[in-house]
Protein backbone atom coordinates (compact mmCIF):
# COMPACT_ATOMS: atom_id res chain seq x y z
CA ASP A 1 -32.86 81.88 -10.49
CA TYR A 2 -35.59 78.80 -12.35
CA LEU A 3 -35.63 81.05 -15.99
CA GLU A 4 -31.98 81.46 -15.84
CA LYS A 5 -31.08 78.30 -15.14
CA ARG A 6 -33.29 76.66 -18.08
CA SER A 7 -32.85 79.64 -20.63
CA GLY A 8 -29.21 80.67 -20.40
CA LEU A 9 -30.39 84.68 -20.00
CA LYS A 10 -29.55 86.74 -17.65
CA LEU A 11 -32.78 88.02 -16.19
CA LYS A 12 -33.17 91.91 -15.61
CA TYR A 13 -36.55 92.21 -12.54
CA LYS A 14 -38.38 94.83 -10.81
CA VAL A 15 -39.84 93.14 -7.26
CA LYS A 16 -42.82 95.78 -5.27
CA ASN A 17 -45.49 94.05 -3.21
CA GLY A 18 -44.11 90.87 -3.99
CA VAL A 19 -45.25 91.37 -7.30
CA ILE A 20 -42.02 90.39 -9.97
CA THR A 21 -42.14 91.66 -12.84
CA ILE A 22 -39.53 91.08 -15.91
CA THR A 23 -37.74 94.14 -17.90
CA GLY A 24 -35.50 92.73 -19.89
CA SER A 25 -32.42 90.24 -20.71
CA LYS A 26 -29.23 89.74 -22.18
CA LYS A 27 -26.98 86.00 -22.88
CA ASP A 28 -26.18 84.90 -20.48
CA LYS A 29 -21.52 84.99 -21.06
CA ASN A 30 -20.99 82.09 -18.38
CA PHE A 31 -24.07 79.79 -19.08
CA THR A 32 -22.32 76.62 -19.63
CA GLY A 33 -25.86 73.98 -19.93
CA THR A 34 -27.27 73.69 -23.04
CA ALA A 35 -31.20 75.74 -23.46
CA ASN A 36 -34.15 74.80 -24.84
CA LYS A 37 -34.31 77.46 -27.67
CA GLU A 38 -37.63 77.25 -27.76
CA PHE A 39 -38.58 77.94 -23.46
CA ALA A 40 -35.44 80.82 -24.09
CA LYS A 41 -37.54 82.64 -26.39
CA VAL A 42 -40.40 82.49 -24.77
CA VAL A 43 -38.55 84.15 -21.23
CA LYS A 44 -36.66 86.73 -24.23
CA GLU A 45 -40.32 87.15 -25.42
CA ALA A 46 -41.81 87.82 -21.68
CA ALA A 47 -38.66 89.85 -20.68
CA GLY A 48 -38.65 92.36 -23.39
CA ALA A 49 -42.85 93.31 -23.02
CA SER A 50 -42.29 96.76 -21.90
CA GLU A 51 -43.24 95.45 -18.09
CA THR A 52 -46.26 94.15 -19.41
CA ALA A 53 -46.63 90.78 -17.92
CA LYS A 54 -46.14 90.82 -13.36
CA TRP A 55 -46.70 87.67 -11.84
CA ASN A 56 -46.66 86.74 -7.94
CA VAL A 57 -43.83 84.10 -7.36
CA GLY A 58 -44.43 82.03 -4.15
CA ARG A 59 -45.39 78.54 -2.36
CA ASP A 60 -47.49 76.57 -1.59
CA ILE A 61 -50.15 79.56 -2.82
CA ALA A 62 -53.95 78.19 -1.37
CA ASN A 63 -55.84 77.02 -4.20
CA CYS A 64 -53.49 77.22 -7.37
CA LEU A 65 -51.78 74.21 -10.06
CA VAL A 66 -48.38 75.07 -10.98
CA ASP A 67 -50.31 78.78 -11.82
CA ASP A 68 -54.21 79.77 -11.58
CA THR A 69 -53.89 82.56 -14.71
CA VAL A 70 -57.31 81.34 -15.74
CA THR A 71 -58.77 82.89 -12.00
CA ALA A 72 -57.01 86.02 -12.12
CA LYS A 73 -57.50 86.70 -15.33
CA ALA A 74 -61.63 86.90 -14.09
CA ASN A 75 -60.87 88.56 -10.91
CA LYS A 76 -58.75 90.90 -12.21
CA THR A 77 -55.52 90.71 -10.75
CA THR A 78 -52.08 89.66 -10.45
CA ALA A 79 -51.32 85.92 -11.45
CA ASN A 80 -49.86 83.71 -9.30
CA ILE A 81 -46.59 81.30 -9.92
CA ASP A 82 -46.61 78.64 -7.69
CA MET A 83 -42.68 76.99 -7.00
CA ASP A 84 -43.38 74.50 -5.27
CA ASP A 85 -45.63 73.19 -7.77
CA ILE A 86 -42.39 73.94 -10.99
CA ASP A 87 -40.00 72.83 -8.45
CA ALA A 88 -41.57 69.53 -8.06
CA ILE A 89 -42.69 68.63 -11.33
CA ASN A 90 -38.89 69.74 -12.42
CA LYS A 91 -37.71 67.12 -10.07
CA ASP A 92 -39.35 64.54 -12.42
CA ALA A 93 -39.29 65.67 -15.54
CA PRO A 94 -37.61 69.16 -16.37
CA GLU A 95 -38.73 69.10 -19.79
CA LEU A 96 -42.25 69.20 -19.12
CA ALA A 97 -41.50 72.28 -15.87
CA GLU A 98 -39.84 73.58 -18.87
CA ALA A 99 -43.35 73.28 -20.95
CA LEU A 100 -45.05 74.19 -18.77
CA THR A 101 -43.33 77.45 -17.20
CA ALA A 102 -43.46 78.48 -21.19
CA HIS A 103 -47.36 77.47 -21.30
CA VAL A 104 -47.52 80.38 -18.21
CA LEU A 105 -45.14 83.13 -18.84
CA ILE A 106 -46.17 83.17 -22.36
CA GLU A 107 -50.45 82.82 -21.01
CA GLY A 108 -50.09 85.67 -18.49
CA LEU A 109 -48.36 87.42 -21.58
CA ARG A 110 -50.97 87.14 -23.99
CA TYR A 111 -53.48 88.52 -20.92
CA SER A 112 -51.64 91.87 -20.25
CA GLN A 113 -51.88 92.23 -24.18
CA GLY A 114 -55.04 91.71 -24.77
CA SER A 115 -56.25 87.97 -25.08
CA PRO A 116 -59.76 88.62 -25.19
CA SER A 117 -60.24 85.36 -23.09
CA ASP A 118 -59.88 82.01 -22.36
CA VAL A 119 -60.88 80.62 -25.23
CA GLY A 120 -61.09 83.19 -28.50
CA GLU A 121 -62.66 82.90 -32.05
CA TRP A 122 -60.06 79.15 -32.87
CA PRO A 123 -60.91 77.61 -35.02
CA LYS A 124 -61.21 80.10 -36.82
CA LEU A 125 -58.02 82.07 -36.31
CA GLY A 126 -54.74 79.50 -35.47
CA PHE A 127 -53.66 78.40 -32.21
CA ASP A 128 -50.68 80.88 -31.70
CA ASP A 129 -53.09 83.67 -32.79
CA ILE A 130 -54.02 86.06 -29.51
CA ASN A 131 -57.64 86.10 -30.89
CA SER A 132 -57.57 83.05 -30.37
CA GLY A 133 -57.33 82.45 -26.58
CA ALA A 134 -53.99 83.54 -24.00
CA HIS A 135 -54.53 79.43 -22.45
CA LEU A 136 -54.87 78.17 -26.11
CA ASN A 137 -51.56 79.94 -26.85
CA GLY A 138 -49.88 78.61 -24.25
CA LEU A 139 -50.70 74.82 -25.16
CA ALA A 140 -49.16 76.12 -28.74
CA VAL A 141 -45.93 76.82 -27.14
CA GLU A 142 -45.57 74.26 -24.74
CA ALA A 143 -46.51 71.85 -27.72
CA ARG A 144 -43.10 73.31 -29.32
CA VAL A 145 -41.07 73.24 -26.26
CA MET A 146 -41.02 69.66 -25.04
CA SER A 147 -40.84 69.88 -28.99
CA ASN A 148 -37.80 70.71 -28.81
CA SER A 149 -37.23 68.21 -25.90
CA THR A 150 -37.80 65.31 -27.40
CA ASN A 151 -36.58 66.09 -30.51
CA LYS A 152 -39.90 65.01 -32.34
CA ASN A 153 -43.48 66.64 -33.85
CA GLU A 154 -45.60 67.00 -30.19
CA GLY A 155 -48.63 68.63 -31.75
CA LYS A 156 -49.51 71.77 -32.57
CA ILE A 157 -50.41 72.13 -28.83
CA ALA A 158 -50.47 70.20 -25.76
CA GLU A 159 -52.89 68.45 -24.40
CA HIS A 160 -54.09 69.04 -20.29
CA ARG A 161 -57.06 66.92 -19.20
CA ASP A 162 -59.21 66.46 -15.42
CA LYS A 163 -57.10 69.49 -14.05
CA ASP A 164 -59.01 69.08 -10.78
CA TRP A 165 -57.36 68.74 -7.46
CA SER A 166 -60.20 66.28 -6.78
CA LYS A 167 -59.30 63.64 -9.31
CA GLY A 168 -55.85 63.54 -7.93
CA VAL A 169 -54.17 62.89 -10.92
CA TRP A 170 -53.84 65.50 -14.23
CA ASN A 171 -52.77 64.39 -17.35
CA VAL A 172 -50.84 66.37 -19.90
CA ILE A 173 -50.04 64.53 -23.14
CA PHE A 174 -48.16 65.62 -26.15
CA THR A 175 -47.81 63.50 -29.32
CA SER A 176 -45.39 61.14 -28.26
CA VAL A 177 -44.98 61.14 -24.74
CA GLN A 178 -47.65 61.72 -22.22
CA TYR A 179 -47.19 62.96 -17.92
CA ASP A 180 -49.29 61.84 -15.63
CA VAL A 181 -49.10 64.67 -12.96
CA SER A 182 -50.26 63.09 -8.57
CA VAL A 183 -51.59 65.69 -6.55
CA LYS A 184 -52.20 65.69 -3.18
CA GLY A 185 -52.96 68.41 -0.14
CA SER A 186 -50.88 70.01 1.13
CA ALA A 187 -50.18 69.39 4.68
CA THR A 188 -49.35 72.63 5.89
CA ASN A 189 -52.46 74.86 3.85
CA PRO A 190 -55.29 73.07 3.74
CA ASN A 191 -56.36 75.40 0.85
CA SER A 192 -54.00 74.00 -1.15
CA VAL A 193 -52.50 70.96 -3.61
CA ILE A 194 -49.19 69.93 -4.63
CA VAL A 195 -47.77 68.01 -6.67
CA ASP A 196 -46.67 64.70 -5.82
CA LYS A 197 -45.04 63.24 -8.21
CA VAL A 198 -44.82 63.37 -12.46
CA THR A 199 -45.01 59.69 -14.49
CA LYS A 200 -43.64 59.18 -17.86
CA THR A 201 -46.11 57.02 -20.04
CA THR A 202 -47.09 55.94 -23.50
CA PRO A 203 -50.20 58.20 -24.80
CA THR A 204 -53.29 56.00 -25.79
CA ARG A 205 -53.92 59.20 -28.57
CA ALA A 206 -53.19 62.15 -29.64
CA PRO A 207 -53.90 65.64 -28.30
CA GLN A 208 -56.50 67.32 -28.52
CA TRP A 209 -58.61 70.57 -27.85
CA PRO A 210 -61.34 70.56 -27.08
CA PRO A 211 -59.59 68.02 -23.65
CA GLY A 212 -61.31 65.14 -25.13
CA ASN A 213 -62.02 61.82 -22.69
């Protein structure tokens, strides 16, 4: 299981009609790897949230690039997480896969806890405040997870630019590093796009909110 392998935690689950609910966690005594501490914090919080947040976990999901949490919130449906995309990113940039997964977990959890919108009362409130919006909460967590990976201060938030399937590339920007995520159409699902490869580069500027050009 991806979350267990990357966090060093042993998780408890419930699965019903394809919906996975994390119901608890404990430290895996047999874990021998090195876990990202910030990532492990996020997984532990999601696991300890009294079954608040739920996800559909699948592969090659239509209209879903990594996740569709914002759309699911608007449609009042359970969010999807596409493990094909996570696995593809993990192959080229495991640190980015961790950061994005942490974003998805916190974003889904905050929506379930009553976050008012995609973007709420920022800048009146800080990026981590639930009333600033679940997406901003996710971007803040994403930056902390990446900071733990790079051992550098990656800023207060990450920036997602051009998460537009038609453009063929999605830029994920941190203070010291940028990832260009190339996407392509799925060979098996005409309504799906998948991650093709990830290119690591030097950012031309610091992350911005709202996203810049």
